[in-house]
Amino acid sequence: MTFAGERRSGSTKRQAVRRELLSMLDGLDVGDVLPSERRLAEELGVSRPTLRQAVDGLVAEGLLDRRHGSGTYVAEPRIAVSLTMTSFSEDMTRRGMKPGGRVLSFRTETAGARIGRRLALPPEEEVFTIRRLRLADEATMAIETLYLPRALLPGLRRHDLEERSFYDLLRGRGIVIASGTETIEPTVTTAEEAAELRVPVHTPAFLFERITRDPGGRPLEYVRSVYRGDRYRLELDLRPPPGK
């Protein structure tokens, strides 16, 4: 199908090109490379700027992955993350993926004013600071920095969190998670995060910050996670308030 010589608005042409590209993607697998921009433009009978705008839209939607100097590839599908009180491991398992992880750093330090406020601790209280790379089917997904009071799990060791959910660890010690507060905002990866996630610097990402509490309202953890924006979309279960 070509669009040469047809009198359509630029917007209509882009929509038609988009439909053709989506149809093409149905026959390709994740990681397959698209034909060159010149070849695609010739096959579809449109200008390269029009094609580029349509491709840009699919890149922004996470359907295509443009790699400078290499080409444009079919992207990994984005994972819908429900905003519920579940762990990363539970989320991935529910989606039929194999969760994994690697502890990047594990240290004990004083909370300081900022972390102390979040965990309701004096600044001089000791906390564990644990930085983990989270994986799903061996692919990098997120960088997680976990802060928790050392007194909560005084015997915690680095290997306890290798390939294991922190929430499973808490439940195994009889610690109940009753509630939590989470904020989400857009961000971009720093040089360090990009290297660990194996993405370009300043790749769009989501920043999740969560504080979980026990039944008495005591903070159990403060966790700061940077999720790859090209692999995630947020999913909300919306319901009207009672009586409406």
C-alpha atoms as a PDB file:
ATOM      1  CA  MET A   1       0.000   0.000   0.000  1.00  0.00           C
ATOM      2  CA  THR A   2       1.369   3.440  -0.914  1.00  0.00           C
ATOM      3  CA  PHE A   3       0.250   6.987  -0.259  1.00  0.00           C
ATOM      4  CA  ALA A   4       2.097   8.772  -3.089  1.00  0.00           C
ATOM      5  CA  GLY A   5       0.023  11.360  -4.855  1.00  0.00           C
ATOM      6  CA  GLU A   6      -2.845  11.120  -2.406  1.00  0.00           C
ATOM      7  CA  ARG A   7      -4.118  14.438  -1.113  1.00  0.00           C
ATOM      8  CA  ARG A   8      -4.191  13.940   2.604  1.00  0.00           C
ATOM      9  CA  SER A   9      -3.306  16.148   5.484  1.00  0.00           C
ATOM     10  CA  GLY A  10       0.014  15.556   7.206  1.00  0.00           C
ATOM     11  CA  SER A  11      -1.824  14.206  10.225  1.00  0.00           C
ATOM     12  CA  THR A  12      -3.836  11.734   8.140  1.00  0.00           C
ATOM     13  CA  LYS A  13      -0.683  10.555   6.373  1.00  0.00           C
ATOM     14  CA  ARG A  14       1.035   9.950   9.683  1.00  0.00           C
ATOM     15  CA  GLN A  15      -1.954   7.958  10.917  1.00  0.00           C
ATOM     16  CA  ALA A  16      -1.895   5.840   7.761  1.00  0.00           C
ATOM     17  CA  VAL A  17       1.848   5.253   8.116  1.00  0.00           C
ATOM     18  CA  ARG A  18       1.322   4.349  11.755  1.00  0.00           C
ATOM     19  CA  ARG A  19      -1.261   1.717  10.781  1.00  0.00           C
ATOM     20  CA  GLU A  20       1.121   0.244   8.220  1.00  0.00           C
ATOM     21  CA  LEU A  21       3.960   0.126  10.748  1.00  0.00           C
ATOM     22  CA  LEU A  22       1.726  -1.529  13.361  1.00  0.00           C
ATOM     23  CA  SER A  23       0.700  -4.114  10.777  1.00  0.00           C
ATOM     24  CA  MET A  24       4.385  -4.729  10.032  1.00  0.00           C
ATOM     25  CA  LEU A  25       5.157  -5.181  13.745  1.00  0.00           C
ATOM     26  CA  ASP A  26       2.549  -7.951  13.978  1.00  0.00           C
ATOM     27  CA  GLY A  27       4.817 -10.076  11.781  1.00  0.00           C
ATOM     28  CA  LEU A  28       8.039  -9.335  13.657  1.00  0.00           C
ATOM     29  CA  ASP A  29       9.510 -10.608  16.903  1.00  0.00           C
ATOM     30  CA  VAL A  30      11.034  -8.664  19.787  1.00  0.00           C
ATOM     31  CA  GLY A  31      14.548  -7.598  18.809  1.00  0.00           C
ATOM     32  CA  ASP A  32      13.940  -7.697  15.039  1.00  0.00           C
ATOM     33  CA  VAL A  33      15.307  -4.687  13.176  1.00  0.00           C
ATOM     34  CA  LEU A  34      13.117  -2.567  10.903  1.00  0.00           C
ATOM     35  CA  PRO A  35      14.170  -1.789   7.340  1.00  0.00           C
ATOM     36  CA  SER A  36      16.134   1.428   6.890  1.00  0.00           C
ATOM     37  CA  GLU A  37      14.302   4.748   6.939  1.00  0.00           C
ATOM     38  CA  ARG A  38      15.027   5.283   3.238  1.00  0.00           C
ATOM     39  CA  ARG A  39      13.664   1.865   2.275  1.00  0.00           C
ATOM     40  CA  LEU A  40      10.535   2.201   4.435  1.00  0.00           C
ATOM     41  CA  ALA A  41       9.773   5.651   3.047  1.00  0.00           C
ATOM     42  CA  GLU A  42      10.061   4.326  -0.505  1.00  0.00           C
ATOM     43  CA  GLU A  43       7.908   1.275   0.220  1.00  0.00           C
ATOM     44  CA  LEU A  44       5.169   3.375   1.852  1.00  0.00           C
ATOM     45  CA  GLY A  45       5.408   6.192  -0.670  1.00  0.00           C
ATOM     46  CA  VAL A  46       5.836   8.942   1.912  1.00  0.00           C
ATOM     47  CA  SER A  47       8.508  11.470   2.737  1.00  0.00           C
ATOM     48  CA  ARG A  48      11.180  10.575   5.263  1.00  0.00           C
ATOM     49  CA  PRO A  49      10.078  13.357   7.680  1.00  0.00           C
ATOM     50  CA  THR A  50       6.517  11.930   7.682  1.00  0.00           C
ATOM     51  CA  LEU A  51       7.842   8.428   8.292  1.00  0.00           C
ATOM     52  CA  ARG A  52      10.171   9.695  11.013  1.00  0.00           C
ATOM     53  CA  GLN A  53       7.268  11.339  12.876  1.00  0.00           C
ATOM     54  CA  ALA A  54       5.270   8.099  12.795  1.00  0.00           C
ATOM     55  CA  VAL A  55       8.281   6.098  14.023  1.00  0.00           C
ATOM     56  CA  ASP A  56       8.928   8.685  16.757  1.00  0.00           C
ATOM     57  CA  GLY A  57       5.378   8.145  18.003  1.00  0.00           C
ATOM     58  CA  LEU A  58       5.873   4.373  18.241  1.00  0.00           C
ATOM     59  CA  VAL A  59       9.194   4.879  20.013  1.00  0.00           C
ATOM     60  CA  ALA A  60       7.469   7.146  22.555  1.00  0.00           C
ATOM     61  CA  GLU A  61       4.808   4.447  23.094  1.00  0.00           C
ATOM     62  CA  GLY A  62       7.511   1.878  23.806  1.00  0.00           C
ATOM     63  CA  LEU A  63       6.726  -0.261  20.743  1.00  0.00           C
ATOM     64  CA  LEU A  64       9.993   0.523  18.972  1.00  0.00           C
ATOM     65  CA  ASP A  65      13.523   0.990  20.276  1.00  0.00           C
ATOM     66  CA  ARG A  66      15.759   3.368  18.317  1.00  0.00           C
ATOM     67  CA  ARG A  67      19.472   2.686  18.800  1.00  0.00           C
ATOM     68  CA  HIS A  68      21.758   5.375  17.439  1.00  0.00           C
ATOM     69  CA  GLY A  69      24.179   4.044  14.867  1.00  0.00           C
ATOM     70  CA  SER A  70      22.451   0.662  14.780  1.00  0.00           C
ATOM     71  CA  GLY A  71      18.819   0.999  13.703  1.00  0.00           C
ATOM     72  CA  THR A  72      15.258   0.745  14.976  1.00  0.00           C
ATOM     73  CA  TYR A  73      14.158  -2.466  16.646  1.00  0.00           C
ATOM     74  CA  VAL A  74      10.954  -4.052  17.909  1.00  0.00           C
ATOM     75  CA  ALA A  75      10.945  -3.238  21.623  1.00  0.00           C
ATOM     76  CA  GLU A  76      10.261  -5.499  24.574  1.00  0.00           C
ATOM     77  CA  PRO A  77       6.620  -5.106  25.658  1.00  0.00           C
ATOM     78  CA  ARG A  78       6.005  -2.815  28.609  1.00  0.00           C
ATOM     79  CA  ILE A  79       4.948  -4.422  31.865  1.00  0.00           C
ATOM     80  CA  ALA A  80       1.799  -3.093  33.509  1.00  0.00           C
ATOM     81  CA  VAL A  81       2.563  -2.348  37.144  1.00  0.00           C
ATOM     82  CA  SER A  82      -0.471  -2.312  39.412  1.00  0.00           C
ATOM     83  CA  LEU A  83      -0.257   0.198  42.233  1.00  0.00           C
ATOM     84  CA  THR A  84      -0.806  -2.301  45.003  1.00  0.00           C
ATOM     85  CA  MET A  85       1.196  -3.340  48.034  1.00  0.00           C
ATOM     86  CA  THR A  86       3.169  -6.135  46.399  1.00  0.00           C
ATOM     87  CA  SER A  87       6.860  -6.755  45.966  1.00  0.00           C
ATOM     88  CA  PHE A  88       8.747  -6.671  42.683  1.00  0.00           C
ATOM     89  CA  SER A  89       9.111 -10.471  42.831  1.00  0.00           C
ATOM     90  CA  GLU A  90       5.378 -10.931  43.332  1.00  0.00           C
ATOM     91  CA  ASP A  91       4.583  -8.565  40.440  1.00  0.00           C
ATOM     92  CA  MET A  92       6.875 -10.396  38.013  1.00  0.00           C
ATOM     93  CA  THR A  93       5.732 -13.868  39.088  1.00  0.00           C
ATOM     94  CA  ARG A  94       2.094 -12.868  38.596  1.00  0.00           C
ATOM     95  CA  ARG A  95       2.952 -11.907  35.013  1.00  0.00           C
ATOM     96  CA  GLY A  96       4.598 -15.235  34.274  1.00  0.00           C
ATOM     97  CA  MET A  97       8.125 -13.843  34.396  1.00  0.00           C
ATOM     98  CA  LYS A  98      11.046 -15.097  36.443  1.00  0.00           C
ATOM     99  CA  PRO A  99      12.115 -12.437  38.964  1.00  0.00           C
ATOM    100  CA  GLY A 100      15.752 -12.079  39.840  1.00  0.00           C
ATOM    101  CA  GLY A 101      18.174  -9.666  41.362  1.00  0.00           C
ATOM    102  CA  ARG A 102      21.695  -8.893  42.376  1.00  0.00           C
ATOM    103  CA  VAL A 103      22.837  -7.024  45.455  1.00  0.00           C
ATOM    104  CA  LEU A 104      25.078  -4.198  44.253  1.00  0.00           C
ATOM    105  CA  SER A 105      25.989  -2.883  47.701  1.00  0.00           C
ATOM    106  CA  PHE A 106      25.174  -3.710  51.308  1.00  0.00           C
ATOM    107  CA  ARG A 107      26.301  -1.510  54.173  1.00  0.00           C
ATOM    108  CA  THR A 108      25.436  -0.351  57.683  1.00  0.00           C
ATOM    109  CA  GLU A 109      25.441   3.386  58.421  1.00  0.00           C
ATOM    110  CA  THR A 110      23.740   5.970  60.591  1.00  0.00           C
ATOM    111  CA  ALA A 111      20.339   7.095  59.361  1.00  0.00           C
ATOM    112  CA  GLY A 112      21.077  10.803  59.239  1.00  0.00           C
ATOM    113  CA  ALA A 113      18.354  13.419  59.205  1.00  0.00           C
ATOM    114  CA  ARG A 114      16.703  12.599  55.844  1.00  0.00           C
ATOM    115  CA  ILE A 115      16.420   8.811  56.191  1.00  0.00           C
ATOM    116  CA  GLY A 116      15.731   9.178  59.919  1.00  0.00           C
ATOM    117  CA  ARG A 117      12.641  11.274  59.177  1.00  0.00           C
ATOM    118  CA  ARG A 118      11.305   8.686  56.750  1.00  0.00           C
ATOM    119  CA  LEU A 119      11.876   5.795  59.133  1.00  0.00           C
ATOM    120  CA  ALA A 120      10.924   7.735  62.293  1.00  0.00           C
ATOM    121  CA  LEU A 121      14.397   7.128  63.729  1.00  0.00           C
ATOM    122  CA  PRO A 122      16.923   9.352  65.510  1.00  0.00           C
ATOM    123  CA  PRO A 123      19.653  10.491  63.077  1.00  0.00           C
ATOM    124  CA  GLU A 124      22.274   8.448  64.956  1.00  0.00           C
ATOM    125  CA  GLU A 125      20.303   5.183  64.694  1.00  0.00           C
ATOM    126  CA  GLU A 126      21.881   2.541  62.451  1.00  0.00           C
ATOM    127  CA  VAL A 127      20.188   1.440  59.245  1.00  0.00           C
ATOM    128  CA  PHE A 128      20.948  -1.046  56.514  1.00  0.00           C
ATOM    129  CA  THR A 129      21.382   0.589  53.100  1.00  0.00           C
ATOM    130  CA  ILE A 130      20.999  -2.001  50.351  1.00  0.00           C
ATOM    131  CA  ARG A 131      21.197  -1.311  46.638  1.00  0.00           C
ATOM    132  CA  ARG A 132      19.812  -3.985  44.311  1.00  0.00           C
ATOM    133  CA  LEU A 133      19.481  -4.531  40.574  1.00  0.00           C
ATOM    134  CA  ARG A 134      16.084  -6.076  39.796  1.00  0.00           C
ATOM    135  CA  LEU A 135      15.672  -8.448  36.856  1.00  0.00           C
ATOM    136  CA  ALA A 136      12.799 -10.172  35.053  1.00  0.00           C
ATOM    137  CA  ASP A 137      13.638 -13.072  32.742  1.00  0.00           C
ATOM    138  CA  GLU A 138      17.275 -11.945  33.090  1.00  0.00           C
ATOM    139  CA  ALA A 139      16.509  -8.475  31.679  1.00  0.00           C
ATOM    140  CA  THR A 140      17.311  -5.372  33.744  1.00  0.00           C
ATOM    141  CA  MET A 141      14.201  -3.653  35.091  1.00  0.00           C
ATOM    142  CA  ALA A 142      14.981  -1.393  38.040  1.00  0.00           C
ATOM    143  CA  ILE A 143      17.541  -0.126  40.519  1.00  0.00           C
ATOM    144  CA  GLU A 144      16.280  -0.316  44.097  1.00  0.00           C
ATOM    145  CA  THR A 145      17.803   1.330  47.163  1.00  0.00           C
ATOM    146  CA  LEU A 146      16.349  -0.068  50.375  1.00  0.00           C
ATOM    147  CA  TYR A 147      16.737   1.513  53.824  1.00  0.00           C
ATOM    148  CA  LEU A 148      15.592  -0.320  56.933  1.00  0.00           C
ATOM    149  CA  PRO A 149      16.297  -0.062  60.664  1.00  0.00           C
ATOM    150  CA  ARG A 150      19.110  -2.391  61.631  1.00  0.00           C
ATOM    151  CA  ALA A 151      17.191  -3.244  64.804  1.00  0.00           C
ATOM    152  CA  LEU A 152      14.379  -4.675  62.664  1.00  0.00           C
ATOM    153  CA  LEU A 153      16.577  -7.492  61.282  1.00  0.00           C
ATOM    154  CA  PRO A 154      19.823  -7.317  63.263  1.00  0.00           C
ATOM    155  CA  GLY A 155      21.238 -10.526  61.762  1.00  0.00           C
ATOM    156  CA  LEU A 156      20.543  -9.605  58.141  1.00  0.00           C
ATOM    157  CA  ARG A 157      23.304 -10.541  55.695  1.00  0.00           C
ATOM    158  CA  ARG A 158      23.921  -9.672  52.064  1.00  0.00           C
ATOM    159  CA  HIS A 159      23.189 -13.199  50.832  1.00  0.00           C
ATOM    160  CA  ASP A 160      19.736 -13.114  52.502  1.00  0.00           C
ATOM    161  CA  LEU A 161      18.535 -10.799  49.727  1.00  0.00           C
ATOM    162  CA  GLU A 162      20.159 -12.524  46.765  1.00  0.00           C
ATOM    163  CA  GLU A 163      17.358 -13.902  44.578  1.00  0.00           C
ATOM    164  CA  ARG A 164      14.810 -13.409  47.372  1.00  0.00           C
ATOM    165  CA  SER A 165      11.902 -11.055  48.004  1.00  0.00           C
ATOM    166  CA  PHE A 166      12.406  -8.714  50.957  1.00  0.00           C
ATOM    167  CA  TYR A 167       8.704  -9.030  51.797  1.00  0.00           C
ATOM    168  CA  ASP A 168       9.040 -12.829  51.913  1.00  0.00           C
ATOM    169  CA  LEU A 169      11.964 -12.349  54.266  1.00  0.00           C
ATOM    170  CA  LEU A 170       9.881 -10.153  56.567  1.00  0.00           C
ATOM    171  CA  ARG A 171       6.971 -12.579  56.582  1.00  0.00           C
ATOM    172  CA  GLY A 172       9.372 -15.410  57.367  1.00  0.00           C
ATOM    173  CA  ARG A 173      10.461 -13.495  60.478  1.00  0.00           C
ATOM    174  CA  GLY A 174       6.862 -12.934  61.563  1.00  0.00           C
ATOM    175  CA  ILE A 175       6.865  -9.233  60.624  1.00  0.00           C
ATOM    176  CA  VAL A 176       3.498  -8.034  59.277  1.00  0.00           C
ATOM    177  CA  ILE A 177       3.225  -5.366  56.578  1.00  0.00           C
ATOM    178  CA  ALA A 178      -0.042  -3.521  57.197  1.00  0.00           C
ATOM    179  CA  SER A 179       0.065  -0.305  55.156  1.00  0.00           C
ATOM    180  CA  GLY A 180       2.229   1.915  53.045  1.00  0.00           C
ATOM    181  CA  THR A 181       2.626   5.199  51.225  1.00  0.00           C
ATOM    182  CA  GLU A 182       4.033   5.447  47.710  1.00  0.00           C
ATOM    183  CA  THR A 183       4.813   8.350  45.388  1.00  0.00           C
ATOM    184  CA  ILE A 184       5.655   8.136  41.689  1.00  0.00           C
ATOM    185  CA  GLU A 185       7.209  10.746  39.453  1.00  0.00           C
ATOM    186  CA  PRO A 186       8.936  10.867  36.078  1.00  0.00           C
ATOM    187  CA  THR A 187      12.705  11.096  35.986  1.00  0.00           C
ATOM    188  CA  VAL A 188      15.680  10.205  33.794  1.00  0.00           C
ATOM    189  CA  THR A 189      18.540   7.847  34.523  1.00  0.00           C
ATOM    190  CA  THR A 190      21.827   9.136  35.872  1.00  0.00           C
ATOM    191  CA  ALA A 191      25.099   7.907  34.404  1.00  0.00           C
ATOM    192  CA  GLU A 192      25.450   5.331  37.190  1.00  0.00           C
ATOM    193  CA  GLU A 193      21.861   4.084  36.860  1.00  0.00           C
ATOM    194  CA  ALA A 194      22.137   3.919  33.075  1.00  0.00           C
ATOM    195  CA  ALA A 195      25.283   1.794  33.299  1.00  0.00           C
ATOM    196  CA  GLU A 196      23.646  -0.625  35.741  1.00  0.00           C
ATOM    197  CA  LEU A 197      20.417  -0.852  33.721  1.00  0.00           C
ATOM    198  CA  ARG A 198      22.324  -0.990  30.415  1.00  0.00           C
ATOM    199  CA  VAL A 199      20.407   1.892  28.860  1.00  0.00           C
ATOM    200  CA  PRO A 200      21.562   5.289  27.524  1.00  0.00           C
ATOM    201  CA  VAL A 201      22.143   8.109  29.997  1.00  0.00           C
ATOM    202  CA  HIS A 202      19.024  10.238  30.580  1.00  0.00           C
ATOM    203  CA  THR A 203      16.671   7.453  29.493  1.00  0.00           C
ATOM    204  CA  PRO A 204      13.102   8.248  30.726  1.00  0.00           C
ATOM    205  CA  ALA A 205      12.282   6.380  33.923  1.00  0.00           C
ATOM    206  CA  PHE A 206       9.847   6.225  36.832  1.00  0.00           C
ATOM    207  CA  LEU A 207      10.947   7.076  40.355  1.00  0.00           C
ATOM    208  CA  PHE A 208       9.018   5.153  43.017  1.00  0.00           C
ATOM    209  CA  GLU A 209       9.412   6.027  46.691  1.00  0.00           C
ATOM    210  CA  ARG A 210       7.661   3.830  49.255  1.00  0.00           C
ATOM    211  CA  ILE A 211       7.394   3.655  53.037  1.00  0.00           C
ATOM    212  CA  THR A 212       5.754   0.535  54.484  1.00  0.00           C
ATOM    213  CA  ARG A 213       4.488   0.201  58.052  1.00  0.00           C
ATOM    214  CA  ASP A 214       3.504  -2.489  60.520  1.00  0.00           C
ATOM    215  CA  PRO A 215       0.052  -2.640  62.196  1.00  0.00           C
ATOM    216  CA  GLY A 216       1.209  -0.161  64.846  1.00  0.00           C
ATOM    217  CA  GLY A 217       2.261   2.405  62.233  1.00  0.00           C
ATOM    218  CA  ARG A 218       6.008   1.824  62.694  1.00  0.00           C
ATOM    219  CA  PRO A 219       7.974   2.295  59.428  1.00  0.00           C
ATOM    220  CA  LEU A 220       9.589  -0.934  58.270  1.00  0.00           C
ATOM    221  CA  GLU A 221      11.338   0.286  55.161  1.00  0.00           C
ATOM    222  CA  TYR A 222      11.945   3.254  52.930  1.00  0.00           C
ATOM    223  CA  VAL A 223      12.712   2.205  49.382  1.00  0.00           C
ATOM    224  CA  ARG A 224      13.647   4.322  46.392  1.00  0.00           C
ATOM    225  CA  SER A 225      13.354   2.557  43.030  1.00  0.00           C
ATOM    226  CA  VAL A 226      14.174   3.738  39.508  1.00  0.00           C
ATOM    227  CA  TYR A 227      12.224   1.727  36.912  1.00  0.00           C
ATOM    228  CA  ARG A 228      12.991   1.763  33.203  1.00  0.00           C
ATOM    229  CA  GLY A 229      10.383   3.889  31.449  1.00  0.00           C
ATOM    230  CA  ASP A 230      10.685   1.850  28.255  1.00  0.00           C
ATOM    231  CA  ARG A 231       9.614  -1.331  30.051  1.00  0.00           C
ATOM    232  CA  TYR A 232       6.859  -0.097  32.357  1.00  0.00           C
ATOM    233  CA  ARG A 233       3.428   1.417  32.281  1.00  0.00           C
ATOM    234  CA  LEU A 234       1.317   2.146  35.347  1.00  0.00           C
ATOM    235  CA  GLU A 235      -2.033   0.457  35.869  1.00  0.00           C
ATOM    236  CA  LEU A 236      -4.738   1.864  38.152  1.00  0.00           C
ATOM    237  CA  ASP A 237      -7.870   0.069  39.319  1.00  0.00           C
ATOM    238  CA  LEU A 238     -10.397   2.925  39.526  1.00  0.00           C
ATOM    239  CA  ARG A 239     -13.624   2.708  41.480  1.00  0.00           C
ATOM    240  CA  PRO A 240     -16.153   5.354  42.482  1.00  0.00           C
ATOM    241  CA  PRO A 241     -16.166   6.369  46.141  1.00  0.00           C
ATOM    242  CA  PRO A 242     -18.779   4.632  48.325  1.00  0.00           C
ATOM    243  CA  GLY A 243     -22.281   6.003  47.946  1.00  0.00           C
ATOM    244  CA  LYS A 244     -21.646   7.566  44.530  1.00  0.00           C
END
